[in-house]
Amino acid sequence: MKEYWDKAISFDEYIGTAKNRLENPKTLQDTEYKAYYDLGIQRMERTLKKLNFDEVLFEVLDDKNFTGKILIISETWCGDASATVPAVVRFFEGKNEVKIFLRDSDESLIDQFQTNGTRSIPKILILDENFEINNTWGPRPKYGHELLLKHKGDPENYTKDMFYNELQIYYSRNRGKDAVAEILDLI
């Protein structure tokens, strides 16, 4: 895991990557995903502006004496990532090292942590001090997963558009708090 950690970037570099891809697309994917980069940046900035954690969550982290690291596999164009990554970074960065590994830069990492056979992101890797994996989380909080299952179970009556709309409303209200709480449960 150390080799992936060493290739990972900070959250500021992550946002910078999105802005650079938006302003100076270099690949076909950059061009095709331009609207997603823009939307991702807007969502991340909105989340950061309104982010506020309950002190109880910090007390839980302190009680766990977690001295490891958080490695996030993500991409800035991902809607689930834009809703949760800023919160996870801001919550843990005061006490633990946090880095982001760009999924599309080397798919060998995400291939080790697929969700139901897909390269879904974000994927949070909870590492110990020696870069051993203690646990993983992702790609979305339990409530978001329930919405996905609702869509897959009845796509005619709960359409993809309905799913995405309800998911984004949830994300904008929750601001990553459920993701942080679920990750804390795994530590």
Protein backbone atom coordinates (compact mmCIF):
# COMPACT_ATOMS: atom_id res chain seq x y z
CA MET A 1 0.00 0.00 0.00
CA LYS A 2 2.94 2.33 0.62
CA GLU A 3 3.64 2.68 -3.12
CA TYR A 4 0.07 3.90 -3.68
CA TRP A 5 0.32 6.22 -0.68
CA ASP A 6 3.49 7.73 -2.10
CA LYS A 7 1.71 8.43 -5.42
CA ALA A 8 -1.35 9.92 -3.71
CA ILE A 9 -2.01 13.66 -3.49
CA SER A 10 -3.34 16.15 -0.96
CA PHE A 11 -6.90 17.44 -1.03
CA ASP A 12 -5.70 20.82 -2.31
CA GLU A 13 -3.91 19.07 -5.18
CA TYR A 14 -7.09 17.05 -5.81
CA ILE A 15 -9.17 20.23 -6.22
CA GLY A 16 -6.37 21.75 -8.30
CA THR A 17 -6.44 18.71 -10.57
CA ALA A 18 -10.17 19.19 -11.16
CA LYS A 19 -9.72 22.88 -11.94
CA ASN A 20 -6.82 22.14 -14.27
CA ARG A 21 -8.75 19.45 -16.12
CA LEU A 22 -11.68 21.83 -16.44
CA GLU A 23 -9.62 24.73 -17.75
CA ASN A 24 -6.99 22.78 -19.76
CA PRO A 25 -8.44 19.45 -20.89
CA LYS A 26 -5.63 17.18 -22.10
CA THR A 27 -7.46 13.93 -22.73
CA LEU A 28 -10.70 12.87 -24.37
CA GLN A 29 -12.04 12.01 -20.92
CA ASP A 30 -11.18 15.51 -19.66
CA THR A 31 -13.19 16.99 -22.53
CA GLU A 32 -16.12 14.59 -22.15
CA TYR A 33 -16.24 15.02 -18.36
CA LYS A 34 -15.90 18.82 -18.36
CA ALA A 35 -19.41 19.36 -16.96
CA TYR A 36 -18.76 16.76 -14.25
CA TYR A 37 -15.51 18.47 -13.19
CA ASP A 38 -17.35 21.77 -12.96
CA LEU A 39 -20.21 20.26 -10.97
CA GLY A 40 -17.79 18.37 -8.72
CA ILE A 41 -15.86 21.54 -7.90
CA GLN A 42 -19.10 23.39 -7.10
CA ARG A 43 -20.34 20.59 -4.85
CA MET A 44 -17.03 20.24 -3.02
CA GLU A 45 -16.78 23.99 -2.41
CA ARG A 46 -20.39 24.12 -1.18
CA THR A 47 -19.78 21.19 1.16
CA LEU A 48 -16.64 22.80 2.57
CA LYS A 49 -18.41 26.12 3.09
CA LYS A 50 -21.26 24.57 5.07
CA LEU A 51 -19.38 21.73 6.77
CA ASN A 52 -19.89 21.49 10.52
CA PHE A 53 -19.25 18.37 12.59
CA ASP A 54 -20.81 17.50 15.90
CA GLU A 55 -18.09 17.44 18.59
CA VAL A 56 -19.28 13.95 19.56
CA LEU A 57 -17.74 12.60 16.34
CA PHE A 58 -14.34 14.02 17.28
CA GLU A 59 -14.69 12.49 20.76
CA VAL A 60 -15.39 9.11 19.17
CA LEU A 61 -12.25 9.44 17.05
CA ASP A 62 -10.20 10.42 20.11
CA ASP A 63 -11.57 7.43 22.08
CA LYS A 64 -10.50 5.04 19.33
CA ASN A 65 -6.87 6.20 19.51
CA PHE A 66 -6.59 5.76 15.77
CA THR A 67 -3.03 6.53 14.70
CA GLY A 68 -3.27 5.24 11.15
CA LYS A 69 -3.85 6.93 7.82
CA ILE A 70 -6.77 7.45 5.46
CA LEU A 71 -6.22 6.75 1.75
CA ILE A 72 -9.12 7.75 -0.49
CA ILE A 73 -9.46 6.33 -4.00
CA SER A 74 -11.40 8.93 -5.95
CA GLU A 75 -11.84 11.15 -8.99
CA THR A 76 -13.14 14.70 -9.00
CA TRP A 77 -15.80 14.01 -11.65
CA CYS A 78 -17.65 11.54 -9.39
CA GLY A 79 -20.88 12.74 -7.78
CA ASP A 80 -20.58 10.45 -4.76
CA ALA A 81 -16.99 11.58 -4.26
CA SER A 82 -17.77 15.28 -4.51
CA ALA A 83 -20.32 14.83 -1.74
CA THR A 84 -18.21 12.81 0.69
CA VAL A 85 -14.48 13.29 0.06
CA PRO A 86 -14.30 16.90 1.37
CA ALA A 87 -16.02 15.90 4.61
CA VAL A 88 -13.84 12.83 5.16
CA VAL A 89 -10.67 14.83 4.48
CA ARG A 90 -11.61 17.74 6.74
CA PHE A 91 -12.72 15.45 9.56
CA PHE A 92 -9.58 13.29 9.68
CA GLU A 93 -6.87 15.70 8.56
CA GLY A 94 -6.48 17.32 11.98
CA LYS A 95 -5.50 14.03 13.60
CA ASN A 96 -4.47 11.67 10.82
CA GLU A 97 -2.70 11.85 7.50
CA VAL A 98 -5.13 11.81 4.59
CA LYS A 99 -4.27 11.43 0.92
CA ILE A 100 -6.19 10.86 -2.29
CA PHE A 101 -5.20 8.40 -4.98
CA LEU A 102 -6.64 9.21 -8.40
CA ARG A 103 -8.43 6.05 -9.49
CA ASP A 104 -7.92 6.57 -13.21
CA SER A 105 -4.16 7.14 -12.87
CA ASP A 106 -3.60 3.47 -12.00
CA GLU A 107 -6.58 1.13 -11.85
CA SER A 108 -4.59 -1.60 -10.12
CA LEU A 109 -5.51 -0.12 -6.73
CA ILE A 110 -9.27 0.15 -7.27
CA ASP A 111 -9.27 -3.31 -8.84
CA GLN A 112 -8.34 -4.67 -5.40
CA PHE A 113 -11.36 -2.97 -3.84
CA GLN A 114 -14.18 -3.31 -6.32
CA THR A 115 -17.78 -3.01 -5.22
CA ASN A 116 -19.96 -5.72 -6.73
CA GLY A 117 -17.54 -6.07 -9.64
CA THR A 118 -17.34 -2.32 -10.37
CA ARG A 119 -14.67 0.32 -9.84
CA SER A 120 -17.05 2.47 -7.80
CA ILE A 121 -15.64 5.44 -5.93
CA PRO A 122 -14.93 6.92 -3.53
CA LYS A 123 -13.34 4.06 -1.69
CA ILE A 124 -11.84 4.85 1.70
CA LEU A 125 -8.97 2.67 2.88
CA ILE A 126 -8.31 2.73 6.61
CA LEU A 127 -4.62 2.01 7.04
CA ASP A 128 -2.50 1.40 10.11
CA GLU A 129 0.87 3.09 10.68
CA ASN A 130 2.57 0.40 8.55
CA PHE A 131 0.23 0.90 5.58
CA GLU A 132 -1.64 -2.33 6.26
CA ILE A 133 -5.36 -2.22 5.49
CA ASN A 134 -7.56 -2.33 8.57
CA ASN A 135 -10.87 -1.78 6.78
CA THR A 136 -12.55 -0.14 3.79
CA TRP A 137 -15.63 1.98 3.20
CA GLY A 138 -17.48 3.13 0.11
CA PRO A 139 -18.64 4.13 -2.33
CA ARG A 140 -21.61 5.77 -0.60
CA PRO A 141 -23.29 5.90 2.81
CA LYS A 142 -25.88 3.29 3.77
CA TYR A 143 -28.80 5.60 2.92
CA GLY A 144 -27.39 6.28 -0.55
CA HIS A 145 -26.93 2.55 -1.08
CA GLU A 146 -30.56 1.97 -0.07
CA LEU A 147 -31.65 4.51 -2.69
CA LEU A 148 -29.58 2.69 -5.32
CA LEU A 149 -31.17 -0.64 -4.38
CA LYS A 150 -34.61 0.98 -4.60
CA HIS A 151 -33.81 2.13 -8.14
CA LYS A 152 -32.39 -1.24 -9.19
CA GLY A 153 -35.37 -3.04 -7.67
CA ASP A 154 -37.98 -0.98 -9.52
CA PRO A 155 -36.37 1.17 -12.25
CA GLU A 156 -39.69 1.88 -13.95
CA ASN A 157 -41.28 3.49 -10.90
CA TYR A 158 -38.09 4.83 -9.30
CA THR A 159 -36.14 6.01 -12.32
CA LYS A 160 -32.45 6.78 -12.58
CA ASP A 161 -33.27 10.50 -12.60
CA MET A 162 -35.37 10.12 -9.45
CA PHE A 163 -32.54 8.20 -7.78
CA TYR A 164 -29.89 10.81 -8.68
CA ASN A 165 -32.14 13.67 -7.60
CA GLU A 166 -32.97 12.14 -4.22
CA LEU A 167 -29.32 11.15 -3.69
CA GLN A 168 -28.08 14.69 -4.35
CA ILE A 169 -30.71 16.18 -2.02
CA TYR A 170 -29.54 13.77 0.68
CA TYR A 171 -25.89 14.65 0.06
CA SER A 172 -26.54 18.40 0.14
CA ARG A 173 -28.35 18.11 3.47
CA ASN A 174 -26.05 15.55 5.09
CA ARG A 175 -22.69 17.11 4.09
CA GLY A 176 -20.78 13.85 4.52
CA LYS A 177 -21.66 13.35 8.17
CA ASP A 178 -23.09 9.86 7.64
CA ALA A 179 -19.97 8.83 5.71
CA VAL A 180 -17.72 10.02 8.54
CA ALA A 181 -19.85 8.26 11.18
CA GLU A 182 -19.83 5.01 9.19
CA ILE A 183 -16.05 5.18 8.74
CA LEU A 184 -15.62 5.80 12.46
CA ASP A 185 -17.60 2.60 13.11
CA LEU A 186 -15.03 0.70 11.01
CA ILE A 187 -12.00 2.01 12.87
